[in-house]
Amino acid sequence: MAKSIAIIGAGIAGLSAGCYARMNGYETDIFELHSRPGGVCTAWRRGDYVFDGCLHWLVGTSPRSSFHRIWEELGALAGRRIVNHEEFLRYEGPDGKYLALYTNADRLERHLKDLAPGDRAAIEEFTGLIRRLAAMEMPIENSGLFEGIKLGLRMLSAMGLFRRYLPVSVREFAGRFGDPFLREAFAATFADFPLMALVFTLAAMHRGDAGYPVGGSLEFARAIERRYLSLGGRVHYNARVEKILVEDDRAVGVRLADGREHRADHVISAADGYSTIFRMLEGRYVDDRLRGFYEGGLEPFPPMIQVSLGVARDLSAEPPLAVFPLRRPVVVAGKPHHRMGYRHFCYDPTMAPAGKSVVVVTFTTDYEYWRDLYADREAYRAEKDRLAKAVVEGLAERFPGIENQVEAIDVATPMTYERYTANWRASFEGWLITTRTMGMAFRGGLPKTLPGLGNFHMIGQWTVVGGGLPPAAKDGRDVSKRICRQDRREFTAAKP
């Protein structure tokens, strides 16, 4: 009789775990509180427009990359057209001057030198770092002695770079630029974000391995769901897990909010970390170190508010992502924002009718503000309406007349994220990556098991630092390997 696994959460990590578990002969059931797959990797329709809440770029889109193998095994990119952007981001000044973070390091270097010829040394250091990391792609697994030796040599080469740059934030590196605009653009856009995290992103883009899959987030998640179902897996939607069942300090199944119980030989939680540890397991299996992470030892990504617009205007000639100055600040949760960034999706024809555009504006915001406001639904709705109006007015400064072209509008607050994903403090990506936690990210993140609890595994955004879809998918693969090893089975992974 096949062994069984109960998986909590049908986000990318949970779906991945289900796929690989089925490839290895386990009976699997995924329990998802929402009515669709993907978790935060989702999108929603308003009239003729699709508003995407996740995917902008994805590591592993190049068939030449090592990570592409995982997306192939999961069926995530089959038949999908990939768009590789020429620009990652554009920072616009008030006088028409702009910094474009081109995805090609050579073009970026020329552009930066045109902007600030006196900063040649710092510019070459920055773009040189991008090129060096672009050549250091790590394999998803060691495939023998020869590959192991090559990996070891690459890691030795990288060690010096890591020691030198891991403690450095983008703001700190920006201080090396003598040009005021260059210094302002880097510091204002990325602030205390780790330099190495930015460089890793640009390195993936430089080697053509961080494109955007047309169809967006929800279709991406549904492709993996289809792969899971084709392997014979079962998924239960609108099935919130209330409790993880434990007998003799071993996880034996789950109890749903409606009282139904499902027994299993293994339990995997790909759900919110706080809910898993302190609610589903009532805080019974936690040590001081793990508890400390949730009591201030680690900082979660701040919650976001997303204002999405469908406009009867073609913005395809504009940079896909730009930050521009405002004459009148937009106030969000009492905080004035003197700059605003927008993203349009004209490179994806599935998001809007021909000749029209989706425009998305996001702000990080304060969780307590929106939580308290949500108690008064009328005030909550009024504040959403006020913010939407302010965003449209701000966009009209950059795109005159756009205020008369808005056909659809949606405002997703931290309460929206919390309702649909149950993420702790409405964080959209788990633990924030900082110069202090970059090393932790390279060492594998948080523990994947809990002290004293057998046959239980945690994966996903709350067990890695920095979040992201590729680590979530790899977590699903790795947990299946660990379970196979525990059950003395040979792990296998196959493409469709």
Foldseek 3Di string as FASTA:
>chain_A
DAFEEEEEAQALLRLLLLLQLLVQPHAYEYEAQAFAHHQQLDWDDDVQFIGGRDDDWAFLPDPPAQLVVLCQLLQLQVPWDWAQAQFPEKEAEPVRDIQTRGLALVVNLVRVCVVAVPLNVLSCVLSVLLQLLLVLHDHLDQDDDVSVVVNVVSVVVCPVVCVVQLLDAQLNSLVSGPDPVSNCRSCVPGNQAGSVVVSNVSSSSNNVRITTTFPGRRSSSVSSVVSSVVSPYHYHYSWAFQAFDDDPQEGFWTATPVGDTDGGLFYEYQAAPCCVQCGRVVVPFADPVRVVCVVPPFAFAFAKKKKKFKFQADPVVPRQKYKYAFPAFQADLNDTDRIWMKGKDNVHCSRHPPRIIMIMTMDGHALVSQVVQVVPVVSNVVVQVVNNVVVQVRVCVVVPPRVVGTDDIDMQGLVNSCVNRVHVSSGSQATEDGSVCPVCQVVFAAAQDTPSHHSYGYAARNRHHPGDSSRSSSRSNVVSCVVCVVVVHDRDGDRD
